[in-house]
Amino acid sequence: MRRVFVLLLAAYLAAAVMPAGAQPYTGTLKPQLAETDRFAANNSLFVLYHELAHLLIDRLHLPVLGREEDAADNMASWALLNIDTKQTSQALADAARGWILTGTAYGEEHDDEDYAGPHSLDRQRAMHIVCLMVGSNAKAFRAIANQYAIGTDRQESCKEDYVLIDVSLRSLFGPKWPEDAGGTVVHVTYYDAGPDLKSTAAAFRRSGVLDYVADHLRQYFNIQPAVRFTAKRCDEANAYYDPDTLEIIFCYELMQDYEMLYAAELARSGSVRRPGSDQTAKPFRGPQ
């Protein structure tokens, strides 16, 4: 168990900078299109770390106190905060905004089934991401916490929330890097998307987020047998970990959903600047 968490920490801290191939978009893309692609890719990155957390919980028998979905959100947020770059900070800001937009688009009225479900409500998930951000670094993230109207007292207690997660993970770390780190075989496959999802699939693949997360799994974990990372059309906007096939599946429709949500937001606001947005931030570009 101690070895597992050493691997987990090192995987994320070893990526203190984005891959060397990271570059801003070039060419004739309009700023709004570049912003939309960045927003969709960043939300997809958060989702993939969330699904990676489910895989690790399953295959490495990680202890979970509370709902597994909340634990996966915490691990994804913690991972991106510990990578600690301008791009990962923007990814978290975009992920929080994504949950706000999803909650608004798909209804903010809830019934008992929603309250009894395995996930926190979308708006709660957004606020918790921001809470962990400001809890990890008040100076860096106070502005976004203020934009989300998180009060001063709660911002202070957010630090306690983050420290609890951080200490809980780090308390299990071994003192040395294991010699047998890495070795997971990961097969990454991009299936044809069809004409209606062609541009979305191209933007998803161009972002490199699937390869980026898969590469972390290859380098810092030793899971057997081989794992599959698959991008395909699913006829639904979704992403999930399948324990039967040892596969993380990302549906192109989910990327398209993020594109459409953000495009609609831009149309309503007439601006590309939203809470936590940095207009100088580069789009996430994974391994090239």
Protein backbone atom coordinates (compact mmCIF):
# COMPACT_ATOMS: atom_id res chain seq x y z
CA MET A 1 0.00 0.00 0.00
CA ARG A 2 2.81 2.40 0.83
CA ARG A 3 4.42 1.65 -2.54
CA VAL A 4 1.16 2.42 -4.31
CA PHE A 5 0.95 5.93 -2.92
CA VAL A 6 4.60 6.65 -3.59
CA LEU A 7 3.87 5.85 -7.20
CA LEU A 8 0.77 8.02 -7.18
CA LEU A 9 2.56 11.05 -5.79
CA ALA A 10 5.59 10.68 -8.01
CA ALA A 11 3.47 10.31 -11.11
CA TYR A 12 1.97 13.70 -10.59
CA LEU A 13 4.88 15.57 -9.06
CA ALA A 14 7.23 14.27 -11.74
CA ALA A 15 5.09 16.14 -14.25
CA ALA A 16 5.93 19.53 -12.77
CA VAL A 17 5.89 20.88 -16.30
CA MET A 18 3.75 19.91 -19.26
CA PRO A 19 5.30 17.76 -21.97
CA ALA A 20 8.00 19.41 -24.05
CA GLY A 21 5.72 19.39 -27.06
CA ALA A 22 3.25 21.76 -25.43
CA GLN A 23 2.62 24.65 -27.80
CA PRO A 24 -0.05 27.30 -28.27
CA TYR A 25 -2.47 26.93 -31.12
CA THR A 26 -1.29 28.43 -34.40
CA GLY A 27 -2.90 29.16 -37.72
CA THR A 28 -6.19 30.86 -38.42
CA LEU A 29 -8.28 29.59 -35.51
CA LYS A 30 -10.43 32.32 -34.06
CA PRO A 31 -9.85 33.13 -30.39
CA GLN A 32 -13.30 31.82 -29.48
CA LEU A 33 -12.60 28.48 -31.15
CA ALA A 34 -9.23 28.17 -29.44
CA GLU A 35 -10.87 28.98 -26.09
CA THR A 36 -13.60 26.41 -26.71
CA ASP A 37 -11.08 23.71 -27.64
CA ARG A 38 -9.02 24.53 -24.55
CA PHE A 39 -12.05 24.42 -22.28
CA ALA A 40 -13.22 21.08 -23.69
CA ALA A 41 -9.73 19.56 -23.51
CA ASN A 42 -9.20 20.74 -19.93
CA ASN A 43 -12.52 19.29 -18.80
CA SER A 44 -11.62 16.05 -20.58
CA LEU A 45 -8.28 16.01 -18.75
CA PHE A 46 -10.01 16.28 -15.37
CA VAL A 47 -12.44 13.51 -16.35
CA LEU A 48 -9.58 11.23 -17.39
CA TYR A 49 -7.78 11.71 -14.07
CA HIS A 50 -11.09 11.00 -12.34
CA GLU A 51 -11.42 7.74 -14.27
CA LEU A 52 -7.77 6.91 -13.61
CA ALA A 53 -8.56 7.24 -9.91
CA HIS A 54 -11.34 4.65 -10.30
CA LEU A 55 -8.89 2.30 -12.03
CA LEU A 56 -6.31 2.71 -9.26
CA ILE A 57 -8.89 2.23 -6.54
CA ASP A 58 -10.01 -0.99 -8.22
CA ARG A 59 -6.69 -2.53 -9.22
CA LEU A 60 -4.58 -1.40 -6.26
CA HIS A 61 -7.30 -1.92 -3.66
CA LEU A 62 -7.03 1.61 -2.33
CA PRO A 63 -9.11 2.32 0.78
CA VAL A 64 -12.05 4.66 0.27
CA LEU A 65 -13.98 6.25 3.11
CA GLY A 66 -17.13 7.86 1.76
CA ARG A 67 -18.35 7.80 -1.80
CA GLU A 68 -15.90 6.58 -4.41
CA GLU A 69 -17.01 9.31 -6.83
CA ASP A 70 -16.04 12.01 -4.33
CA ALA A 71 -12.72 10.25 -3.73
CA ALA A 72 -12.04 10.19 -7.48
CA ASP A 73 -12.79 13.92 -7.74
CA ASN A 74 -10.45 14.58 -4.81
CA MET A 75 -7.65 12.54 -6.37
CA ALA A 76 -8.07 14.26 -9.74
CA SER A 77 -8.02 17.71 -8.14
CA TRP A 78 -5.07 16.81 -5.92
CA ALA A 79 -3.15 15.44 -8.89
CA LEU A 80 -3.55 18.57 -10.98
CA LEU A 81 -2.76 20.83 -8.02
CA ASN A 82 0.48 18.94 -7.41
CA ILE A 83 1.54 19.16 -11.04
CA ASP A 84 1.23 22.89 -10.30
CA THR A 85 1.61 24.65 -13.63
CA LYS A 86 -0.28 27.52 -15.19
CA GLN A 87 -1.96 25.05 -17.50
CA THR A 88 -3.13 22.67 -14.76
CA SER A 89 -4.46 25.60 -12.73
CA GLN A 90 -6.44 26.63 -15.79
CA ALA A 91 -7.60 23.03 -16.25
CA LEU A 92 -9.03 23.03 -12.73
CA ALA A 93 -10.72 26.39 -13.26
CA ASP A 94 -12.23 25.09 -16.50
CA ALA A 95 -13.33 21.86 -14.81
CA ALA A 96 -15.14 23.81 -12.10
CA ARG A 97 -16.81 25.98 -14.73
CA GLY A 98 -17.72 22.84 -16.63
CA TRP A 99 -19.68 21.47 -13.69
CA ILE A 100 -21.48 24.79 -13.30
CA LEU A 101 -22.47 24.79 -16.96
CA THR A 102 -23.49 21.14 -16.87
CA GLY A 103 -25.66 21.69 -13.82
CA THR A 104 -27.35 24.67 -15.45
CA ALA A 105 -27.84 23.01 -18.82
CA TYR A 106 -29.27 19.77 -17.49
CA GLY A 107 -31.45 21.19 -14.77
CA GLU A 108 -30.85 22.48 -11.28
CA GLU A 109 -34.02 20.97 -9.82
CA HIS A 110 -33.30 17.69 -8.05
CA ASP A 111 -35.36 14.80 -6.76
CA ASP A 112 -34.64 12.10 -4.20
CA GLU A 113 -32.87 9.96 -6.78
CA ASP A 114 -30.33 12.74 -7.33
CA TYR A 115 -29.72 13.18 -3.61
CA ALA A 116 -29.34 9.42 -3.14
CA GLY A 117 -27.02 9.04 -6.12
CA PRO A 118 -23.32 8.16 -6.05
CA HIS A 119 -22.21 11.62 -7.26
CA SER A 120 -22.34 14.97 -5.54
CA LEU A 121 -24.50 17.50 -7.37
CA ASP A 122 -22.78 19.27 -10.26
CA ARG A 123 -22.62 22.63 -8.54
CA GLN A 124 -21.22 21.01 -5.41
CA ARG A 125 -18.52 19.33 -7.47
CA ALA A 126 -17.59 22.70 -8.98
CA MET A 127 -17.43 24.42 -5.60
CA HIS A 128 -15.36 21.61 -4.10
CA ILE A 129 -12.76 21.90 -6.86
CA VAL A 130 -12.46 25.63 -6.18
CA CYS A 131 -12.38 24.98 -2.44
CA LEU A 132 -9.42 22.61 -2.83
CA MET A 133 -7.71 25.12 -5.09
CA VAL A 134 -7.89 27.97 -2.58
CA GLY A 135 -7.19 25.54 0.24
CA SER A 136 -3.96 24.46 -1.42
CA ASN A 137 -2.75 28.00 -2.15
CA ALA A 138 -4.80 30.95 -0.90
CA LYS A 139 -2.63 33.55 -2.58
CA ALA A 140 -2.79 31.92 -6.01
CA PHE A 141 -6.49 31.04 -5.98
CA ARG A 142 -8.23 33.57 -3.73
CA ALA A 143 -9.48 35.48 -6.76
CA ILE A 144 -11.33 32.52 -8.24
CA ALA A 145 -12.75 31.60 -4.81
CA ASN A 146 -14.06 35.14 -4.52
CA GLN A 147 -15.55 34.93 -8.00
CA TYR A 148 -17.43 31.84 -6.88
CA ALA A 149 -18.64 33.72 -3.78
CA ILE A 150 -16.91 31.38 -1.36
CA GLY A 151 -16.82 33.35 1.88
CA THR A 152 -13.67 34.16 3.83
CA ASP A 153 -14.45 31.73 6.65
CA ARG A 154 -15.09 28.90 4.21
CA GLN A 155 -11.92 29.70 2.30
CA GLU A 156 -10.01 29.29 5.54
CA SER A 157 -11.63 25.93 6.26
CA CYS A 158 -10.97 24.87 2.66
CA LYS A 159 -7.33 24.78 3.70
CA GLU A 160 -8.26 22.17 6.29
CA ASP A 161 -10.06 20.15 3.61
CA TYR A 162 -7.05 20.22 1.31
CA VAL A 163 -4.56 19.45 4.07
CA LEU A 164 -6.65 16.46 5.18
CA ILE A 165 -6.57 15.01 1.65
CA ASP A 166 -2.90 15.82 1.21
CA VAL A 167 -1.83 14.41 4.57
CA SER A 168 -4.01 11.34 4.15
CA LEU A 169 -2.22 10.46 0.93
CA ARG A 170 1.27 11.49 1.97
CA SER A 171 1.04 9.60 5.27
CA LEU A 172 1.14 6.38 3.24
CA PHE A 173 4.19 7.29 1.17
CA GLY A 174 7.31 5.19 1.51
CA PRO A 175 10.65 6.92 2.09
CA LYS A 176 12.19 5.69 -1.17
CA TRP A 177 11.19 5.48 -4.76
CA PRO A 178 10.44 1.81 -5.52
CA GLU A 179 12.84 0.17 -7.92
CA ASP A 180 10.01 -1.56 -9.73
CA ALA A 181 8.09 1.63 -10.50
CA GLY A 182 6.33 1.73 -13.82
CA GLY A 183 5.80 -1.02 -16.29
CA THR A 184 2.08 -0.87 -16.98
CA VAL A 185 1.30 -1.68 -20.59
CA VAL A 186 -1.31 0.76 -21.89
CA HIS A 187 -2.85 0.43 -25.32
CA VAL A 188 -4.28 3.73 -26.57
CA THR A 189 -6.81 3.52 -29.38
CA TYR A 190 -8.68 6.29 -31.20
CA TYR A 191 -11.61 4.87 -33.11
CA ASP A 192 -13.26 6.56 -36.07
CA ALA A 193 -15.80 9.13 -34.95
CA GLY A 194 -17.93 9.42 -38.07
CA PRO A 195 -18.56 12.59 -40.04
CA ASP A 196 -20.69 14.34 -37.42
CA LEU A 197 -18.01 14.03 -34.72
CA LYS A 198 -14.96 14.30 -36.96
CA SER A 199 -13.87 17.79 -35.89
CA THR A 200 -14.50 17.02 -32.22
CA ALA A 201 -12.50 13.80 -32.39
CA ALA A 202 -9.67 15.65 -34.13
CA ALA A 203 -9.63 18.33 -31.40
CA PHE A 204 -9.62 15.66 -28.70
CA ARG A 205 -6.74 13.77 -30.27
CA ARG A 206 -4.84 16.98 -30.99
CA SER A 207 -5.05 17.95 -27.32
CA GLY A 208 -3.13 14.83 -26.33
CA VAL A 209 -4.91 14.46 -22.99
CA LEU A 210 -5.64 10.75 -23.44
CA ASP A 211 -2.01 9.97 -24.28
CA TYR A 212 -0.79 12.24 -21.47
CA VAL A 213 -2.72 10.40 -18.74
CA ALA A 214 -1.93 7.01 -20.29
CA ASP A 215 1.76 7.88 -20.25
CA HIS A 216 1.63 8.63 -16.52
CA LEU A 217 0.12 5.21 -15.95
CA ARG A 218 2.87 3.57 -18.02
CA GLN A 219 5.70 5.34 -16.25
CA TYR A 220 4.65 5.31 -12.61
CA PHE A 221 2.45 2.28 -11.98
CA ASN A 222 2.85 -1.43 -12.41
CA ILE A 223 -0.60 -2.82 -13.09
CA GLN A 224 -1.18 -6.20 -14.67
CA PRO A 225 -2.52 -7.19 -17.12
CA ALA A 226 -2.44 -4.52 -19.84
CA VAL A 227 -4.76 -1.53 -19.60
CA ARG A 228 -6.66 0.00 -22.49
CA PHE A 229 -7.41 3.69 -23.03
CA THR A 230 -10.05 4.04 -25.72
CA ALA A 231 -11.60 7.05 -27.43
CA LYS A 232 -14.71 6.32 -29.46
CA ARG A 233 -18.26 7.35 -30.19
CA CYS A 234 -20.70 5.90 -27.67
CA ASP A 235 -24.06 7.49 -28.58
CA GLU A 236 -23.93 9.27 -25.23
CA ALA A 237 -21.79 11.95 -23.59
CA ASN A 238 -19.84 9.86 -21.11
CA ALA A 239 -16.51 8.56 -19.88
CA TYR A 240 -16.05 5.57 -17.60
CA TYR A 241 -13.75 2.88 -16.28
CA ASP A 242 -14.79 -0.68 -17.12
CA PRO A 243 -13.27 -3.09 -14.56
CA ASP A 244 -14.25 -6.13 -16.63
CA THR A 245 -12.13 -5.08 -19.61
CA LEU A 246 -9.60 -3.02 -17.61
CA GLU A 247 -10.37 -0.08 -19.87
CA ILE A 248 -10.89 3.66 -19.58
CA ILE A 249 -13.33 4.73 -22.26
CA PHE A 250 -13.76 8.33 -23.33
CA CYS A 251 -16.70 9.13 -25.58
CA TYR A 252 -16.24 11.77 -28.25
CA GLU A 253 -19.75 12.95 -27.45
CA LEU A 254 -18.52 14.15 -24.05
CA MET A 255 -15.87 16.35 -25.67
CA GLN A 256 -18.56 17.66 -28.01
CA ASP A 257 -20.81 18.34 -25.03
CA TYR A 258 -18.11 20.51 -23.45
CA GLU A 259 -17.59 22.32 -26.75
CA MET A 260 -21.30 23.05 -27.09
CA LEU A 261 -21.72 24.12 -23.47
CA TYR A 262 -18.86 26.59 -23.71
CA ALA A 263 -19.87 27.87 -27.14
CA ALA A 264 -23.33 28.59 -25.75
CA GLU A 265 -21.76 30.34 -22.76
CA LEU A 266 -19.68 32.53 -25.07
CA ALA A 267 -22.75 33.38 -27.10
CA ARG A 268 -24.63 34.42 -23.95
CA SER A 269 -21.81 36.40 -22.42
CA GLY A 270 -20.27 37.86 -25.56
CA SER A 271 -16.89 37.32 -23.91
CA VAL A 272 -14.37 34.57 -23.48
CA ARG A 273 -13.46 35.64 -19.95
CA ARG A 274 -15.13 33.59 -17.23
CA PRO A 275 -14.35 32.92 -13.54
CA GLY A 276 -10.79 31.66 -13.28
CA SER A 277 -10.10 32.21 -16.95
CA ASP A 278 -6.66 33.31 -18.03
CA GLN A 279 -6.77 34.57 -21.57
CA THR A 280 -3.02 34.06 -21.92
CA ALA A 281 -3.21 30.41 -20.90
CA LYS A 282 -2.06 27.95 -23.52
CA PRO A 283 -4.38 25.11 -24.52
CA PHE A 284 -3.37 21.79 -23.06
CA ARG A 285 -1.25 19.91 -25.57
CA GLY A 286 -0.13 16.47 -24.56
CA PRO A 287 2.65 14.31 -25.99
CA GLN A 288 3.19 14.99 -29.67
